[in-house]
Amino acid sequence: MNNKKPLKANKGLTIIELMVTISIISIVAMFGVSTYSNYTTRAKIAAEVSVLTARAQEVYDLKKDGKNFYLNSDHTTVNEYGAVIKDIGDSGSKALKVAAQIMIRPESVPVDSVRWRCIVTSDELNKSSIPNNYVYGSSTFFRILKDNNMVASNENFDLENNPAENNSWKRIANGDPFLGNWQISGGDEEIELWNDFDLISDRRDNVAELDGDSNEIIELTHDLTSENFKDMALSFDYYPRTGDDSSSFEVYLGDQLIYTQSDFTKEWQNINIDLSNVENASSQKLRIKEAGEDESYGALIDLNSLKITPGKIV
């Protein structure tokens, strides 16, 4: 008598089980490839930054000592602030196969020292593609740092095409191409623009006068992309046409009063104003506002000298 039990047939995996297994393997493989790709991208960026930081230190030391410098590597530039910029993408050194730029930017710290900040920008990368201690910035953020100016050239005053005739003045309104993206608020939304006008002895071209008519307050405004900046700085040359507080002006960031002019010596004065962005607002409106008496001569502002520079990065 044979008591052996018959062996059961090994049926293997069903079609559904096989499909699930393949899907899991594909997901794991895709995750692994993505992780490895990010790792190699970070390593390539770090290598480029290491070399560029050494070059940035040389430039910083030369600029601090008032000496000339030059860059002997391709695809690298330096701006007036001393930040060194390099194109490491497919249109530059080709360290990466996508469009990408890096910047090494100095920031002052106490005791005559410097801290270096590295900024990376690319529309084809993300934060996971760059080392943790680097700043990933949008193209607008990078442009601001590269130009060292919160206002892009195509949004600023068209200083080469003053609509006023030489040794004369003209009222211009919102929509005039000269204004770029600057806006005039208050009154009839017009502003006086001078072109080498001889009503003052030290005359200049591209001068705006903040001077509204009766019961009108005129102000120049511009929206600033302020996100990721702890602070900014506004600077321009100012002339008090009357020599008293009827030629005064105020500066606001949003609705906050930042500065009121109090020196009315009749000469061109260089004005420097810190603009704090404590709340890290993504956008803030800068307002330069007439603060003198109605129907008086106003504050003269040399538009050639007007600039808003970025400060420390958050």
C-alpha atoms as a PDB file:
ATOM      1  CA  MET A   1       0.000   0.000   0.000  1.00  0.00           C
ATOM      2  CA  ASN A   2       1.451   3.362  -1.045  1.00  0.00           C
ATOM      3  CA  ASN A   3       0.821   6.091   1.628  1.00  0.00           C
ATOM      4  CA  LYS A   4       2.785   8.887  -0.091  1.00  0.00           C
ATOM      5  CA  LYS A   5       0.868  12.101  -0.623  1.00  0.00           C
ATOM      6  CA  PRO A   6       0.842  13.483  -4.124  1.00  0.00           C
ATOM      7  CA  LEU A   7       3.044  16.569  -4.661  1.00  0.00           C
ATOM      8  CA  LYS A   8       1.245  19.845  -5.289  1.00  0.00           C
ATOM      9  CA  ALA A   9       2.065  21.583  -8.523  1.00  0.00           C
ATOM     10  CA  ASN A  10       4.041  24.919  -8.179  1.00  0.00           C
ATOM     11  CA  LYS A  11       1.780  27.429  -9.841  1.00  0.00           C
ATOM     12  CA  GLY A  12       4.278  30.419  -9.647  1.00  0.00           C
ATOM     13  CA  LEU A  13       3.123  34.065  -9.806  1.00  0.00           C
ATOM     14  CA  THR A  14      -0.136  35.152 -11.243  1.00  0.00           C
ATOM     15  CA  ILE A  15      -0.180  37.819 -13.939  1.00  0.00           C
ATOM     16  CA  ILE A  16      -1.428  40.421 -11.443  1.00  0.00           C
ATOM     17  CA  GLU A  17       1.296  39.551  -8.922  1.00  0.00           C
ATOM     18  CA  LEU A  18       3.921  39.782 -11.655  1.00  0.00           C
ATOM     19  CA  MET A  19       2.656  43.186 -12.783  1.00  0.00           C
ATOM     20  CA  VAL A  20       2.683  44.516  -9.201  1.00  0.00           C
ATOM     21  CA  THR A  21       6.242  43.243  -8.696  1.00  0.00           C
ATOM     22  CA  ILE A  22       7.476  44.861 -11.904  1.00  0.00           C
ATOM     23  CA  SER A  23       5.795  48.151 -10.950  1.00  0.00           C
ATOM     24  CA  ILE A  24       7.489  48.166  -7.534  1.00  0.00           C
ATOM     25  CA  ILE A  25      10.879  47.414  -9.082  1.00  0.00           C
ATOM     26  CA  SER A  26      10.382  50.228 -11.624  1.00  0.00           C
ATOM     27  CA  ILE A  27       9.478  52.749  -8.913  1.00  0.00           C
ATOM     28  CA  VAL A  28      12.478  51.773  -6.768  1.00  0.00           C
ATOM     29  CA  ALA A  29      14.784  51.957  -9.805  1.00  0.00           C
ATOM     30  CA  MET A  30      13.400  55.343 -10.828  1.00  0.00           C
ATOM     31  CA  PHE A  31      13.888  56.674  -7.295  1.00  0.00           C
ATOM     32  CA  GLY A  32      17.442  55.362  -7.259  1.00  0.00           C
ATOM     33  CA  VAL A  33      18.280  56.990 -10.605  1.00  0.00           C
ATOM     34  CA  SER A  34      16.794  60.314  -9.451  1.00  0.00           C
ATOM     35  CA  THR A  35      18.742  60.188  -6.175  1.00  0.00           C
ATOM     36  CA  TYR A  36      21.979  59.360  -7.973  1.00  0.00           C
ATOM     37  CA  SER A  37      21.362  62.124 -10.517  1.00  0.00           C
ATOM     38  CA  ASN A  38      20.832  64.689  -7.724  1.00  0.00           C
ATOM     39  CA  TYR A  39      23.979  63.452  -5.985  1.00  0.00           C
ATOM     40  CA  THR A  40      26.153  63.862  -9.091  1.00  0.00           C
ATOM     41  CA  THR A  41      24.631  67.300  -9.830  1.00  0.00           C
ATOM     42  CA  ARG A  42      25.369  68.482  -6.290  1.00  0.00           C
ATOM     43  CA  ALA A  43      28.932  67.168  -6.549  1.00  0.00           C
ATOM     44  CA  LYS A  44      29.536  69.005  -9.853  1.00  0.00           C
ATOM     45  CA  ILE A  45      28.111  72.257  -8.483  1.00  0.00           C
ATOM     46  CA  ALA A  46      30.216  71.968  -5.308  1.00  0.00           C
ATOM     47  CA  ALA A  47      33.378  71.455  -7.362  1.00  0.00           C
ATOM     48  CA  GLU A  48      32.665  74.578  -9.441  1.00  0.00           C
ATOM     49  CA  VAL A  49      31.877  76.597  -6.313  1.00  0.00           C
ATOM     50  CA  SER A  50      35.103  75.550  -4.613  1.00  0.00           C
ATOM     51  CA  VAL A  51      37.205  76.914  -7.482  1.00  0.00           C
ATOM     52  CA  LEU A  52      35.088  80.063  -7.881  1.00  0.00           C
ATOM     53  CA  THR A  53      35.201  80.900  -4.155  1.00  0.00           C
ATOM     54  CA  ALA A  54      39.003  81.011  -4.237  1.00  0.00           C
ATOM     55  CA  ARG A  55      38.814  83.380  -7.213  1.00  0.00           C
ATOM     56  CA  ALA A  56      36.171  85.504  -5.470  1.00  0.00           C
ATOM     57  CA  GLN A  57      38.449  85.899  -2.454  1.00  0.00           C
ATOM     58  CA  GLU A  58      41.236  87.197  -4.701  1.00  0.00           C
ATOM     59  CA  VAL A  59      38.856  89.696  -6.325  1.00  0.00           C
ATOM     60  CA  TYR A  60      37.545  90.799  -2.914  1.00  0.00           C
ATOM     61  CA  ASP A  61      41.051  91.424  -1.556  1.00  0.00           C
ATOM     62  CA  LEU A  62      42.065  93.401  -4.649  1.00  0.00           C
ATOM     63  CA  LYS A  63      38.906  95.534  -4.603  1.00  0.00           C
ATOM     64  CA  LYS A  64      39.306  96.199  -0.867  1.00  0.00           C
ATOM     65  CA  ASP A  65      42.844  97.464  -1.484  1.00  0.00           C
ATOM     66  CA  GLY A  66      41.716  99.583  -4.449  1.00  0.00           C
ATOM     67  CA  LYS A  67      43.674  97.546  -6.968  1.00  0.00           C
ATOM     68  CA  ASN A  68      42.727  96.443 -10.470  1.00  0.00           C
ATOM     69  CA  PHE A  69      41.833  92.833 -11.195  1.00  0.00           C
ATOM     70  CA  TYR A  70      40.944  90.661 -14.142  1.00  0.00           C
ATOM     71  CA  LEU A  71      39.332  87.287 -14.724  1.00  0.00           C
ATOM     72  CA  ASN A  72      41.247  84.846 -16.890  1.00  0.00           C
ATOM     73  CA  SER A  73      38.598  82.119 -17.060  1.00  0.00           C
ATOM     74  CA  ASP A  74      35.829  81.815 -19.629  1.00  0.00           C
ATOM     75  CA  HIS A  75      32.152  82.257 -18.792  1.00  0.00           C
ATOM     76  CA  THR A  76      32.981  84.233 -15.605  1.00  0.00           C
ATOM     77  CA  THR A  77      32.149  87.863 -14.765  1.00  0.00           C
ATOM     78  CA  VAL A  78      32.313  90.084 -11.680  1.00  0.00           C
ATOM     79  CA  ASN A  79      29.882  92.887 -10.829  1.00  0.00           C
ATOM     80  CA  GLU A  80      30.425  96.230  -9.076  1.00  0.00           C
ATOM     81  CA  TYR A  81      29.566  94.661  -5.703  1.00  0.00           C
ATOM     82  CA  GLY A  82      32.383  92.129  -6.032  1.00  0.00           C
ATOM     83  CA  ALA A  83      30.165  89.113  -6.679  1.00  0.00           C
ATOM     84  CA  VAL A  84      31.685  86.583  -9.089  1.00  0.00           C
ATOM     85  CA  ILE A  85      29.269  84.894 -11.505  1.00  0.00           C
ATOM     86  CA  LYS A  86      29.862  81.851 -13.674  1.00  0.00           C
ATOM     87  CA  ASP A  87      27.763  80.118 -16.311  1.00  0.00           C
ATOM     88  CA  ILE A  88      28.209  76.397 -15.545  1.00  0.00           C
ATOM     89  CA  GLY A  89      25.446  75.191 -17.852  1.00  0.00           C
ATOM     90  CA  ASP A  90      25.199  74.030 -21.439  1.00  0.00           C
ATOM     91  CA  SER A  91      25.866  77.556 -22.751  1.00  0.00           C
ATOM     92  CA  GLY A  92      28.887  78.042 -20.474  1.00  0.00           C
ATOM     93  CA  SER A  93      31.506  75.710 -19.024  1.00  0.00           C
ATOM     94  CA  LYS A  94      29.178  72.703 -19.582  1.00  0.00           C
ATOM     95  CA  ALA A  95      29.731  71.328 -16.073  1.00  0.00           C
ATOM     96  CA  LEU A  96      25.982  70.658 -16.183  1.00  0.00           C
ATOM     97  CA  LYS A  97      23.911  69.691 -19.201  1.00  0.00           C
ATOM     98  CA  VAL A  98      21.191  72.212 -18.393  1.00  0.00           C
ATOM     99  CA  ALA A  99      21.110  76.021 -18.239  1.00  0.00           C
ATOM    100  CA  ALA A 100      22.575  77.013 -14.866  1.00  0.00           C
ATOM    101  CA  GLN A 101      24.561  79.817 -13.232  1.00  0.00           C
ATOM    102  CA  ILE A 102      26.306  80.157  -9.883  1.00  0.00           C
ATOM    103  CA  MET A 103      27.331  83.257  -7.938  1.00  0.00           C
ATOM    104  CA  ILE A 104      29.752  83.755  -5.058  1.00  0.00           C
ATOM    105  CA  ARG A 105      28.676  86.922  -3.214  1.00  0.00           C
ATOM    106  CA  PRO A 106      30.461  88.574  -0.272  1.00  0.00           C
ATOM    107  CA  GLU A 107      28.499  89.736   2.763  1.00  0.00           C
ATOM    108  CA  SER A 108      30.114  91.903   5.421  1.00  0.00           C
ATOM    109  CA  VAL A 109      30.291  90.565   8.960  1.00  0.00           C
ATOM    110  CA  PRO A 110      31.778  92.193  12.091  1.00  0.00           C
ATOM    111  CA  VAL A 111      35.516  92.645  12.671  1.00  0.00           C
ATOM    112  CA  ASP A 112      36.526  93.455   9.100  1.00  0.00           C
ATOM    113  CA  SER A 113      35.669  90.011   7.788  1.00  0.00           C
ATOM    114  CA  VAL A 114      33.500  88.588   5.047  1.00  0.00           C
ATOM    115  CA  ARG A 115      31.020  85.744   4.650  1.00  0.00           C
ATOM    116  CA  TRP A 116      30.535  84.115   1.284  1.00  0.00           C
ATOM    117  CA  ARG A 117      27.073  83.198   0.019  1.00  0.00           C
ATOM    118  CA  CYS A 118      26.624  80.846  -2.912  1.00  0.00           C
ATOM    119  CA  ILE A 119      23.556  81.275  -5.107  1.00  0.00           C
ATOM    120  CA  VAL A 120      22.468  78.829  -7.804  1.00  0.00           C
ATOM    121  CA  THR A 121      19.829  79.479 -10.435  1.00  0.00           C
ATOM    122  CA  SER A 122      18.359  77.208 -13.096  1.00  0.00           C
ATOM    123  CA  ASP A 123      14.857  76.643 -14.417  1.00  0.00           C
ATOM    124  CA  GLU A 124      15.720  72.953 -14.822  1.00  0.00           C
ATOM    125  CA  LEU A 125      16.994  72.250 -11.302  1.00  0.00           C
ATOM    126  CA  ASN A 126      15.345  72.408  -7.870  1.00  0.00           C
ATOM    127  CA  LYS A 127      16.444  72.698  -4.242  1.00  0.00           C
ATOM    128  CA  SER A 128      17.167  68.972  -3.982  1.00  0.00           C
ATOM    129  CA  SER A 129      19.694  69.323  -6.822  1.00  0.00           C
ATOM    130  CA  ILE A 130      21.990  71.712  -4.947  1.00  0.00           C
ATOM    131  CA  PRO A 131      24.035  71.385  -1.723  1.00  0.00           C
ATOM    132  CA  ASN A 132      22.112  72.204   1.457  1.00  0.00           C
ATOM    133  CA  ASN A 133      24.089  75.311   2.420  1.00  0.00           C
ATOM    134  CA  TYR A 134      23.622  76.996  -0.976  1.00  0.00           C
ATOM    135  CA  VAL A 135      20.793  79.370  -1.905  1.00  0.00           C
ATOM    136  CA  TYR A 136      18.513  78.327  -4.749  1.00  0.00           C
ATOM    137  CA  GLY A 137      17.151  81.464  -6.405  1.00  0.00           C
ATOM    138  CA  SER A 138      14.707  82.308  -9.138  1.00  0.00           C
ATOM    139  CA  SER A 139      15.902  84.013 -12.305  1.00  0.00           C
ATOM    140  CA  THR A 140      14.549  87.353 -10.977  1.00  0.00           C
ATOM    141  CA  PHE A 141      16.367  86.945  -7.641  1.00  0.00           C
ATOM    142  CA  PHE A 142      19.599  86.079  -9.455  1.00  0.00           C
ATOM    143  CA  ARG A 143      19.188  89.037 -11.849  1.00  0.00           C
ATOM    144  CA  ILE A 144      18.833  91.442  -8.921  1.00  0.00           C
ATOM    145  CA  LEU A 145      22.069  90.162  -7.374  1.00  0.00           C
ATOM    146  CA  LYS A 146      23.910  90.086 -10.700  1.00  0.00           C
ATOM    147  CA  ASP A 147      22.929  93.683 -11.593  1.00  0.00           C
ATOM    148  CA  ASN A 148      23.235  94.786  -7.945  1.00  0.00           C
ATOM    149  CA  ASN A 149      19.993  96.661  -8.527  1.00  0.00           C
ATOM    150  CA  MET A 150      16.437  95.926  -7.385  1.00  0.00           C
ATOM    151  CA  VAL A 151      15.075  97.567 -10.560  1.00  0.00           C
ATOM    152  CA  ALA A 152      15.802  95.887 -13.896  1.00  0.00           C
ATOM    153  CA  SER A 153      17.186  98.115 -16.644  1.00  0.00           C
ATOM    154  CA  ASN A 154      14.115  97.580 -18.837  1.00  0.00           C
ATOM    155  CA  GLU A 155      11.874  98.676 -15.924  1.00  0.00           C
ATOM    156  CA  ASN A 156      13.894 101.765 -15.000  1.00  0.00           C
ATOM    157  CA  PHE A 157      13.961 105.340 -16.302  1.00  0.00           C
ATOM    158  CA  ASP A 158      14.981 105.709 -19.951  1.00  0.00           C
ATOM    159  CA  LEU A 159      17.821 108.084 -19.108  1.00  0.00           C
ATOM    160  CA  GLU A 160      19.094 108.233 -22.698  1.00  0.00           C
ATOM    161  CA  ASN A 161      15.830 109.734 -23.958  1.00  0.00           C
ATOM    162  CA  ASN A 162      14.775 112.645 -21.776  1.00  0.00           C
ATOM    163  CA  PRO A 163      11.607 114.056 -23.419  1.00  0.00           C
ATOM    164  CA  ALA A 164      12.385 117.586 -22.165  1.00  0.00           C
ATOM    165  CA  GLU A 165      14.445 119.805 -24.455  1.00  0.00           C
ATOM    166  CA  ASN A 166      17.920 120.863 -23.367  1.00  0.00           C
ATOM    167  CA  ASN A 167      17.957 123.678 -20.766  1.00  0.00           C
ATOM    168  CA  SER A 168      14.222 123.280 -20.266  1.00  0.00           C
ATOM    169  CA  TRP A 169      11.601 121.225 -18.421  1.00  0.00           C
ATOM    170  CA  LYS A 170       8.491 119.253 -19.252  1.00  0.00           C
ATOM    171  CA  ARG A 171       5.625 117.666 -17.358  1.00  0.00           C
ATOM    172  CA  ILE A 172       5.248 113.961 -18.027  1.00  0.00           C
ATOM    173  CA  ALA A 173       2.465 111.601 -16.953  1.00  0.00           C
ATOM    174  CA  ASN A 174       2.017 107.900 -16.290  1.00  0.00           C
ATOM    175  CA  GLY A 175       2.455 105.927 -19.476  1.00  0.00           C
ATOM    176  CA  ASP A 176       5.347 108.039 -20.740  1.00  0.00           C
ATOM    177  CA  PRO A 177       8.067 105.625 -21.987  1.00  0.00           C
ATOM    178  CA  PHE A 178      10.682 107.569 -20.000  1.00  0.00           C
ATOM    179  CA  LEU A 179       9.224 106.277 -16.719  1.00  0.00           C
ATOM    180  CA  GLY A 180       9.666 102.573 -17.406  1.00  0.00           C
ATOM    181  CA  ASN A 181       7.751 100.803 -14.613  1.00  0.00           C
ATOM    182  CA  TRP A 182       7.909 103.787 -12.263  1.00  0.00           C
ATOM    183  CA  GLN A 183       4.524 105.286 -11.435  1.00  0.00           C
ATOM    184  CA  ILE A 184       3.411 108.794 -10.425  1.00  0.00           C
ATOM    185  CA  SER A 185       0.739 108.982  -7.732  1.00  0.00           C
ATOM    186  CA  GLY A 186      -1.238 111.953  -6.467  1.00  0.00           C
ATOM    187  CA  GLY A 187      -2.752 115.013  -8.073  1.00  0.00           C
ATOM    188  CA  ASP A 188      -2.963 114.851 -11.832  1.00  0.00           C
ATOM    189  CA  GLU A 189      -0.317 112.077 -11.853  1.00  0.00           C
ATOM    190  CA  GLU A 190       2.268 114.257 -13.582  1.00  0.00           C
ATOM    191  CA  ILE A 191       5.804 115.171 -12.638  1.00  0.00           C
ATOM    192  CA  GLU A 192       8.226 117.881 -13.774  1.00  0.00           C
ATOM    193  CA  LEU A 193      11.271 116.572 -15.601  1.00  0.00           C
ATOM    194  CA  TRP A 194      14.307 118.826 -16.098  1.00  0.00           C
ATOM    195  CA  ASN A 195      17.008 118.526 -18.731  1.00  0.00           C
ATOM    196  CA  ASP A 196      20.129 120.543 -17.834  1.00  0.00           C
ATOM    197  CA  PHE A 197      17.816 123.341 -16.704  1.00  0.00           C
ATOM    198  CA  ASP A 198      19.603 126.521 -15.559  1.00  0.00           C
ATOM    199  CA  LEU A 199      17.247 127.446 -12.687  1.00  0.00           C
ATOM    200  CA  ILE A 200      19.968 126.138 -10.378  1.00  0.00           C
ATOM    201  CA  SER A 201      23.690 126.791 -10.807  1.00  0.00           C
ATOM    202  CA  ASP A 202      24.817 123.160 -10.534  1.00  0.00           C
ATOM    203  CA  ARG A 203      22.475 121.925 -13.216  1.00  0.00           C
ATOM    204  CA  ARG A 204      22.081 118.331 -14.343  1.00  0.00           C
ATOM    205  CA  ASP A 205      20.111 116.371 -16.884  1.00  0.00           C
ATOM    206  CA  ASN A 206      17.385 113.872 -15.913  1.00  0.00           C
ATOM    207  CA  VAL A 207      16.214 115.709 -12.792  1.00  0.00           C
ATOM    208  CA  ALA A 208      12.698 115.165 -11.423  1.00  0.00           C
ATOM    209  CA  GLU A 209      10.977 117.777  -9.255  1.00  0.00           C
ATOM    210  CA  LEU A 210       8.443 116.549  -6.694  1.00  0.00           C
ATOM    211  CA  ASP A 211       6.098 119.511  -6.923  1.00  0.00           C
ATOM    212  CA  GLY A 212       2.343 119.117  -6.900  1.00  0.00           C
ATOM    213  CA  ASP A 213      -0.216 121.854  -7.462  1.00  0.00           C
ATOM    214  CA  SER A 214      -2.513 123.198  -4.735  1.00  0.00           C
ATOM    215  CA  ASN A 215      -3.681 120.492  -2.293  1.00  0.00           C
ATOM    216  CA  GLU A 216      -1.846 117.828  -4.292  1.00  0.00           C
ATOM    217  CA  ILE A 217       0.949 115.568  -3.034  1.00  0.00           C
ATOM    218  CA  ILE A 218       3.092 113.915  -5.695  1.00  0.00           C
ATOM    219  CA  GLU A 219       5.084 110.722  -5.225  1.00  0.00           C
ATOM    220  CA  LEU A 220       7.220 108.389  -7.347  1.00  0.00           C
ATOM    221  CA  THR A 221       6.555 104.692  -6.732  1.00  0.00           C
ATOM    222  CA  HIS A 222       7.964 101.338  -7.814  1.00  0.00           C
ATOM    223  CA  ASP A 223       7.087  97.758  -6.816  1.00  0.00           C
ATOM    224  CA  LEU A 224      10.161  95.891  -5.551  1.00  0.00           C
ATOM    225  CA  THR A 225      10.614  92.111  -5.585  1.00  0.00           C
ATOM    226  CA  SER A 226      11.952  92.009  -2.031  1.00  0.00           C
ATOM    227  CA  GLU A 227      11.566  88.332  -1.081  1.00  0.00           C
ATOM    228  CA  ASN A 228      14.708  86.693   0.396  1.00  0.00           C
ATOM    229  CA  PHE A 229      16.343  90.050   1.156  1.00  0.00           C
ATOM    230  CA  LYS A 230      16.776  91.145   4.777  1.00  0.00           C
ATOM    231  CA  ASP A 231      17.279  94.715   3.650  1.00  0.00           C
ATOM    232  CA  MET A 232      17.876  97.019   0.707  1.00  0.00           C
ATOM    233  CA  ALA A 233      19.391 100.474   0.271  1.00  0.00           C
ATOM    234  CA  LEU A 234      18.055 103.508  -1.593  1.00  0.00           C
ATOM    235  CA  SER A 235      20.478 106.196  -2.762  1.00  0.00           C
ATOM    236  CA  PHE A 236      20.186 109.319  -4.907  1.00  0.00           C
ATOM    237  CA  ASP A 237      21.332 112.940  -5.128  1.00  0.00           C
ATOM    238  CA  TYR A 238      18.897 115.560  -3.814  1.00  0.00           C
ATOM    239  CA  TYR A 239      18.725 119.349  -4.115  1.00  0.00           C
ATOM    240  CA  PRO A 240      16.359 121.481  -1.963  1.00  0.00           C
ATOM    241  CA  ARG A 241      15.265 124.124  -4.422  1.00  0.00           C
ATOM    242  CA  THR A 242      13.943 126.557  -1.771  1.00  0.00           C
ATOM    243  CA  GLY A 243      16.554 125.926   0.899  1.00  0.00           C
ATOM    244  CA  ASP A 244      13.876 125.251   3.538  1.00  0.00           C
ATOM    245  CA  ASP A 245      11.432 122.513   4.543  1.00  0.00           C
ATOM    246  CA  SER A 246       9.080 123.363   1.676  1.00  0.00           C
ATOM    247  CA  SER A 247      11.501 121.254  -0.418  1.00  0.00           C
ATOM    248  CA  SER A 248      11.313 118.283   1.932  1.00  0.00           C
ATOM    249  CA  PHE A 249      10.482 114.701   0.960  1.00  0.00           C
ATOM    250  CA  GLU A 250       9.630 111.399   2.658  1.00  0.00           C
ATOM    251  CA  VAL A 251      10.401 107.789   1.785  1.00  0.00           C
ATOM    252  CA  TYR A 252       7.984 104.945   2.510  1.00  0.00           C
ATOM    253  CA  LEU A 253       8.256 101.176   2.122  1.00  0.00           C
ATOM    254  CA  GLY A 254       4.680 100.097   1.754  1.00  0.00           C
ATOM    255  CA  ASP A 255       2.791 102.186   4.325  1.00  0.00           C
ATOM    256  CA  GLN A 256       5.750 102.485   6.699  1.00  0.00           C
ATOM    257  CA  LEU A 257       7.510 105.852   6.873  1.00  0.00           C
ATOM    258  CA  ILE A 258      11.244 105.151   6.609  1.00  0.00           C
ATOM    259  CA  TYR A 259      12.839 108.570   6.194  1.00  0.00           C
ATOM    260  CA  THR A 260      12.108 112.316   6.287  1.00  0.00           C
ATOM    261  CA  GLN A 261      14.604 114.808   4.857  1.00  0.00           C
ATOM    262  CA  SER A 262      15.764 117.473   7.333  1.00  0.00           C
ATOM    263  CA  ASP A 263      18.841 119.094   5.737  1.00  0.00           C
ATOM    264  CA  PHE A 264      17.935 121.881   3.312  1.00  0.00           C
ATOM    265  CA  THR A 265      21.354 123.273   2.456  1.00  0.00           C
ATOM    266  CA  LYS A 266      21.104 124.493  -1.149  1.00  0.00           C
ATOM    267  CA  GLU A 267      23.514 122.082  -2.770  1.00  0.00           C
ATOM    268  CA  TRP A 268      23.397 118.588  -4.172  1.00  0.00           C
ATOM    269  CA  GLN A 269      23.327 116.109  -1.280  1.00  0.00           C
ATOM    270  CA  ASN A 270      23.916 112.363  -1.519  1.00  0.00           C
ATOM    271  CA  ILE A 271      21.053 110.571   0.255  1.00  0.00           C
ATOM    272  CA  ASN A 272      21.478 106.984   1.534  1.00  0.00           C
ATOM    273  CA  ILE A 273      18.508 105.242   3.171  1.00  0.00           C
ATOM    274  CA  ASP A 274      18.329 101.710   4.616  1.00  0.00           C
ATOM    275  CA  LEU A 275      15.162  99.818   3.687  1.00  0.00           C
ATOM    276  CA  SER A 276      14.546  96.972   6.132  1.00  0.00           C
ATOM    277  CA  ASN A 277      12.499  93.943   5.055  1.00  0.00           C
ATOM    278  CA  VAL A 278      12.031  92.346   8.483  1.00  0.00           C
ATOM    279  CA  GLU A 279       8.962  90.359   7.498  1.00  0.00           C
ATOM    280  CA  ASN A 280      10.595  89.077   4.271  1.00  0.00           C
ATOM    281  CA  ALA A 281       7.690  90.378   2.188  1.00  0.00           C
ATOM    282  CA  SER A 282       7.692  89.030  -1.361  1.00  0.00           C
ATOM    283  CA  SER A 283       6.883  92.458  -2.814  1.00  0.00           C
ATOM    284  CA  GLN A 284       6.912  95.987  -1.402  1.00  0.00           C
ATOM    285  CA  LYS A 285       6.072  99.357  -2.899  1.00  0.00           C
ATOM    286  CA  LEU A 286       8.795 101.998  -2.625  1.00  0.00           C
ATOM    287  CA  ARG A 287       7.369 105.543  -2.395  1.00  0.00           C
ATOM    288  CA  ILE A 288       9.363 108.783  -2.661  1.00  0.00           C
ATOM    289  CA  LYS A 289       6.863 111.413  -1.612  1.00  0.00           C
ATOM    290  CA  GLU A 290       6.723 115.203  -1.693  1.00  0.00           C
ATOM    291  CA  ALA A 291       6.554 116.569   1.876  1.00  0.00           C
ATOM    292  CA  GLY A 292       6.801 120.348   1.365  1.00  0.00           C
ATOM    293  CA  GLU A 293       4.147 123.020   1.203  1.00  0.00           C
ATOM    294  CA  ASP A 294       1.570 123.133  -1.578  1.00  0.00           C
ATOM    295  CA  GLU A 295       2.266 125.420  -4.528  1.00  0.00           C
ATOM    296  CA  SER A 296       5.955 125.668  -3.636  1.00  0.00           C
ATOM    297  CA  TYR A 297       9.090 124.647  -5.387  1.00  0.00           C
ATOM    298  CA  GLY A 298       9.760 120.994  -4.660  1.00  0.00           C
ATOM    299  CA  ALA A 299      12.509 118.517  -4.010  1.00  0.00           C
ATOM    300  CA  LEU A 300      14.866 117.912  -6.947  1.00  0.00           C
ATOM    301  CA  ILE A 301      16.011 114.319  -7.478  1.00  0.00           C
ATOM    302  CA  ASP A 302      18.829 113.380  -9.852  1.00  0.00           C
ATOM    303  CA  LEU A 303      17.434 110.285 -11.582  1.00  0.00           C
ATOM    304  CA  ASN A 304      20.864 109.355 -12.965  1.00  0.00           C
ATOM    305  CA  SER A 305      22.003 108.689  -9.397  1.00  0.00           C
ATOM    306  CA  LEU A 306      18.858 106.948  -8.135  1.00  0.00           C
ATOM    307  CA  LYS A 307      19.478 103.298  -7.304  1.00  0.00           C
ATOM    308  CA  ILE A 308      18.014 100.606  -5.050  1.00  0.00           C
ATOM    309  CA  THR A 309      20.613  97.975  -4.173  1.00  0.00           C
ATOM    310  CA  PRO A 310      19.983  94.570  -2.576  1.00  0.00           C
ATOM    311  CA  GLY A 311      21.328  93.929   0.914  1.00  0.00           C
ATOM    312  CA  LYS A 312      21.870  90.746   2.905  1.00  0.00           C
ATOM    313  CA  ILE A 313      20.164  87.540   1.853  1.00  0.00           C
ATOM    314  CA  VAL A 314      17.750  85.844   4.251  1.00  0.00           C
END
